C-alpha atoms as a PDB file:
ATOM      1  CA  MET A   1     -33.363 -56.982  22.233  1.00  0.00           C
ATOM      2  CA  ILE A   2     -33.856 -54.173  19.906  1.00  0.00           C
ATOM      3  CA  ILE A   3     -30.941 -52.259  21.298  1.00  0.00           C
ATOM      4  CA  LYS A   4     -28.537 -55.236  20.977  1.00  0.00           C
ATOM      5  CA  TYR A   5     -28.992 -55.825  17.412  1.00  0.00           C
ATOM      6  CA  ASN A   6     -29.697 -52.261  16.222  1.00  0.00           C
ATOM      7  CA  SER A   7     -26.213 -51.734  14.978  1.00  0.00           C
ATOM      8  CA  LEU A   8     -26.318 -54.908  13.048  1.00  0.00           C
ATOM      9  CA  VAL A   9     -29.276 -54.223  11.320  1.00  0.00           C
ATOM     10  CA  CYS A  10     -28.295 -50.862  10.274  1.00  0.00           C
ATOM     11  CA  ALA A  11     -25.092 -52.061   9.053  1.00  0.00           C
ATOM     12  CA  LEU A  12     -26.682 -54.765   6.898  1.00  0.00           C
ATOM     13  CA  LEU A  13     -29.285 -52.306   5.490  1.00  0.00           C
ATOM     14  CA  LEU A  14     -26.334 -49.680   4.735  1.00  0.00           C
ATOM     15  CA  GLY A  15     -24.411 -52.469   2.946  1.00  0.00           C
ATOM     16  CA  ILE A  16     -27.478 -53.236   0.773  1.00  0.00           C
ATOM     17  CA  ALA A  17     -27.866 -49.548  -0.202  1.00  0.00           C
ATOM     18  CA  VAL A  18     -24.787 -49.958  -2.173  1.00  0.00           C
ATOM     19  CA  PHE A  19     -26.858 -51.571  -4.978  1.00  0.00           C
ATOM     20  CA  THR A  20     -29.216 -49.454  -7.067  1.00  0.00           C
ATOM     21  CA  LEU A  21     -32.709 -49.887  -5.421  1.00  0.00           C
ATOM     22  CA  PRO A  22     -36.099 -47.936  -5.547  1.00  0.00           C
ATOM     23  CA  SER A  23     -36.198 -44.557  -3.775  1.00  0.00           C
ATOM     24  CA  ILE A  24     -38.761 -45.838  -1.098  1.00  0.00           C
ATOM     25  CA  TYR A  25     -35.838 -47.960   0.086  1.00  0.00           C
ATOM     26  CA  TYR A  26     -33.587 -44.938   0.891  1.00  0.00           C
ATOM     27  CA  ILE A  27     -36.161 -43.265   2.577  1.00  0.00           C
ATOM     28  CA  PHE A  28     -37.005 -46.400   4.749  1.00  0.00           C
ATOM     29  CA  LEU A  29     -32.971 -46.430   5.160  1.00  0.00           C
ATOM     30  CA  ARG A  30     -32.855 -42.885   6.417  1.00  0.00           C
ATOM     31  CA  ILE A  31     -35.474 -43.482   8.863  1.00  0.00           C
ATOM     32  CA  LEU A  32     -33.998 -46.649  10.341  1.00  0.00           C
ATOM     33  CA  VAL A  33     -30.457 -45.178  10.268  1.00  0.00           C
ATOM     34  CA  THR A  34     -31.353 -42.218  12.042  1.00  0.00           C
ATOM     35  CA  LEU A  35     -33.421 -44.111  14.796  1.00  0.00           C
ATOM     36  CA  GLY A  36     -30.527 -46.363  15.236  1.00  0.00           C
ATOM     37  CA  ALA A  37     -28.080 -43.448  15.664  1.00  0.00           C
ATOM     38  CA  ILE A  38     -30.393 -42.022  18.202  1.00  0.00           C
ATOM     39  CA  LEU A  39     -30.374 -45.152  20.110  1.00  0.00           C
ATOM     40  CA  ILE A  40     -26.619 -45.199  20.184  1.00  0.00           C
ATOM     41  CA  VAL A  41     -26.424 -41.662  21.318  1.00  0.00           C
ATOM     42  CA  VAL A  42     -28.693 -42.271  24.164  1.00  0.00           C
ATOM     43  CA  GLN A  43     -26.460 -45.265  25.064  1.00  0.00           C
ATOM     44  CA  SER A  44     -23.208 -43.469  24.620  1.00  0.00           C
ATOM     45  CA  SER A  45     -24.708 -40.335  26.810  1.00  0.00           C
ATOM     46  CA  ILE A  46     -25.540 -43.050  29.601  1.00  0.00           C
ATOM     47  CA  GLN A  47     -22.145 -44.456  29.514  1.00  0.00           C
ATOM     48  CA  LYS A  48     -20.330 -41.069  29.189  1.00  0.00           C
ATOM     49  CA  GLU A  49     -18.720 -41.933  25.655  1.00  0.00           C
ATOM     50  CA  TYR A  50     -18.781 -38.351  24.307  1.00  0.00           C
ATOM     51  CA  LEU A  51     -16.668 -38.988  21.177  1.00  0.00           C
ATOM     52  CA  TRP A  52     -18.708 -41.947  20.065  1.00  0.00           C
ATOM     53  CA  MET A  53     -21.879 -40.119  20.908  1.00  0.00           C
ATOM     54  CA  SER A  54     -20.758 -37.072  18.609  1.00  0.00           C
ATOM     55  CA  VAL A  55     -19.969 -39.354  15.766  1.00  0.00           C
ATOM     56  CA  PHE A  56     -23.383 -40.934  15.905  1.00  0.00           C
ATOM     57  CA  ILE A  57     -24.992 -37.314  16.136  1.00  0.00           C
ATOM     58  CA  VAL A  58     -23.254 -36.344  12.951  1.00  0.00           C
ATOM     59  CA  ILE A  59     -24.557 -39.619  11.313  1.00  0.00           C
ATOM     60  CA  GLY A  60     -27.986 -38.930  12.549  1.00  0.00           C
ATOM     61  CA  ILE A  61     -27.957 -35.393  10.970  1.00  0.00           C
ATOM     62  CA  ILE A  62     -26.611 -36.833   7.661  1.00  0.00           C
ATOM     63  CA  PHE A  63     -29.250 -39.418   7.350  1.00  0.00           C
ATOM     64  CA  ASN A  64     -32.205 -37.430   8.844  1.00  0.00           C
ATOM     65  CA  PRO A  65     -35.508 -38.001   7.030  1.00  0.00           C
ATOM     66  CA  PHE A  66     -36.994 -34.650   7.667  1.00  0.00           C
ATOM     67  CA  ILE A  67     -34.440 -32.299   6.197  1.00  0.00           C
ATOM     68  CA  PRO A  68     -32.531 -34.581   3.805  1.00  0.00           C
ATOM     69  CA  ILE A  69     -29.140 -34.025   2.283  1.00  0.00           C
ATOM     70  CA  TYR A  70     -28.990 -34.629  -1.052  1.00  0.00           C
ATOM     71  CA  LEU A  71     -25.693 -35.483  -2.910  1.00  0.00           C
ATOM     72  CA  PHE A  72     -27.291 -36.254  -6.338  1.00  0.00           C
ATOM     73  CA  ARG A  73     -24.479 -38.812  -6.975  1.00  0.00           C
ATOM     74  CA  LYS A  74     -24.876 -42.404  -6.059  1.00  0.00           C
ATOM     75  CA  LEU A  75     -20.931 -42.664  -6.026  1.00  0.00           C
ATOM     76  CA  HIS A  76     -20.776 -40.407  -3.059  1.00  0.00           C
ATOM     77  CA  TRP A  77     -23.506 -42.104  -0.962  1.00  0.00           C
ATOM     78  CA  ILE A  78     -21.759 -45.369  -1.709  1.00  0.00           C
ATOM     79  CA  TRP A  79     -18.623 -44.347   0.274  1.00  0.00           C
ATOM     80  CA  ILE A  80     -20.715 -42.608   2.924  1.00  0.00           C
ATOM     81  CA  ASP A  81     -23.061 -45.756   3.329  1.00  0.00           C
ATOM     82  CA  LEU A  82     -19.957 -47.932   3.715  1.00  0.00           C
ATOM     83  CA  LEU A  83     -18.353 -45.675   6.218  1.00  0.00           C
ATOM     84  CA  VAL A  84     -21.288 -45.315   8.390  1.00  0.00           C
ATOM     85  CA  ALA A  85     -21.807 -49.156   8.054  1.00  0.00           C
ATOM     86  CA  SER A  86     -18.437 -49.678   9.539  1.00  0.00           C
ATOM     87  CA  PHE A  87     -19.205 -47.374  12.408  1.00  0.00           C
ATOM     88  CA  PHE A  88     -22.228 -49.427  13.128  1.00  0.00           C
ATOM     89  CA  LEU A  89     -20.261 -52.639  12.918  1.00  0.00           C
ATOM     90  CA  ILE A  90     -17.680 -51.243  15.200  1.00  0.00           C
ATOM     91  CA  ASP A  91     -20.492 -50.383  17.669  1.00  0.00           C
ATOM     92  CA  PHE A  92     -21.864 -53.978  17.406  1.00  0.00           C
ATOM     93  CA  PHE A  93     -18.598 -55.713  17.948  1.00  0.00           C
ATOM     94  CA  ARG A  94     -16.933 -53.495  20.639  1.00  0.00           C
ATOM     95  CA  PRO A  95     -17.219 -54.879  24.415  1.00  0.00           C
ATOM     96  CA  LYS A  96     -19.797 -53.128  26.313  1.00  0.00           C
ATOM     97  CA  PRO A  97     -18.840 -51.978  29.838  1.00  0.00           C
ATOM     98  CA  LYS A  98     -20.456 -54.216  32.585  1.00  0.00           C
ATOM     99  CA  GLU A  99     -22.421 -52.497  35.219  1.00  0.00           C
ATOM    100  CA  LYS A 100     -20.585 -52.420  38.476  1.00  0.00           C
ATOM    101  CA  VAL A 101     -22.204 -54.341  41.366  1.00  0.00           C
ATOM    102  CA  ILE A 102     -21.478 -52.871  44.810  1.00  0.00           C
ATOM    103  CA  VAL A 103     -21.297 -55.344  47.369  1.00  0.00           C
ATOM    104  CA  SER A 104     -21.607 -53.842  50.878  1.00  0.00           C
ATOM    105  CA  LYS A 105     -20.340 -55.583  53.986  1.00  0.00           C
ATOM    106  CA  PRO A 106     -22.445 -55.502  57.037  1.00  0.00           C
ATOM    107  CA  HIS A 107     -21.742 -52.749  59.184  1.00  0.00           C
ATOM    108  CA  ILE A 108     -20.914 -53.789  62.747  1.00  0.00           C
ATOM    109  CA  ARG A 109     -21.575 -51.047  65.430  1.00  0.00           C
ATOM    110  CA  LYS A 110     -18.995 -50.521  67.920  1.00  0.00           C
ATOM    111  CA  TYR A 111     -19.787 -48.532  71.009  1.00  0.00           C
ATOM    112  CA  ASP A 112     -16.767 -47.073  72.404  1.00  0.00           C
ATOM    113  CA  ARG A 113     -18.096 -44.453  74.721  1.00  0.00           C
ATOM    114  CA  ASP A 114     -21.649 -45.331  75.584  1.00  0.00           C
ATOM    115  CA  LYS A 115     -21.907 -49.265  75.845  1.00  0.00           C
ATOM    116  CA  MET A 116     -25.313 -50.731  75.987  1.00  0.00           C
ATOM    117  CA  TYR A 117     -25.705 -53.479  78.410  1.00  0.00           C
END
């Protein structure tokens, strides 16, 4: 359930970040966006989508709360927030590949040389 709506929640939080809010919200935003990006990186690596995985690795680095990147201007962050929110929305609405179900037919043994009677 968390993985399914992860992208939507992150996109909504990034959309709200366009407004002027207290600094604690942006710390909270950094933590959630980084965790959301990590979840998508794990999903993409399982599905072998390496381009999508690399995009979200970069997003995780930009929003990382441990060694934060400061741009000191709200206008720069607004564009980054909207761009990253669009990536999260693309991830939410793109069709996910279904798991392949392999149905095996029963194997019938044929004895050509050594017949059992």
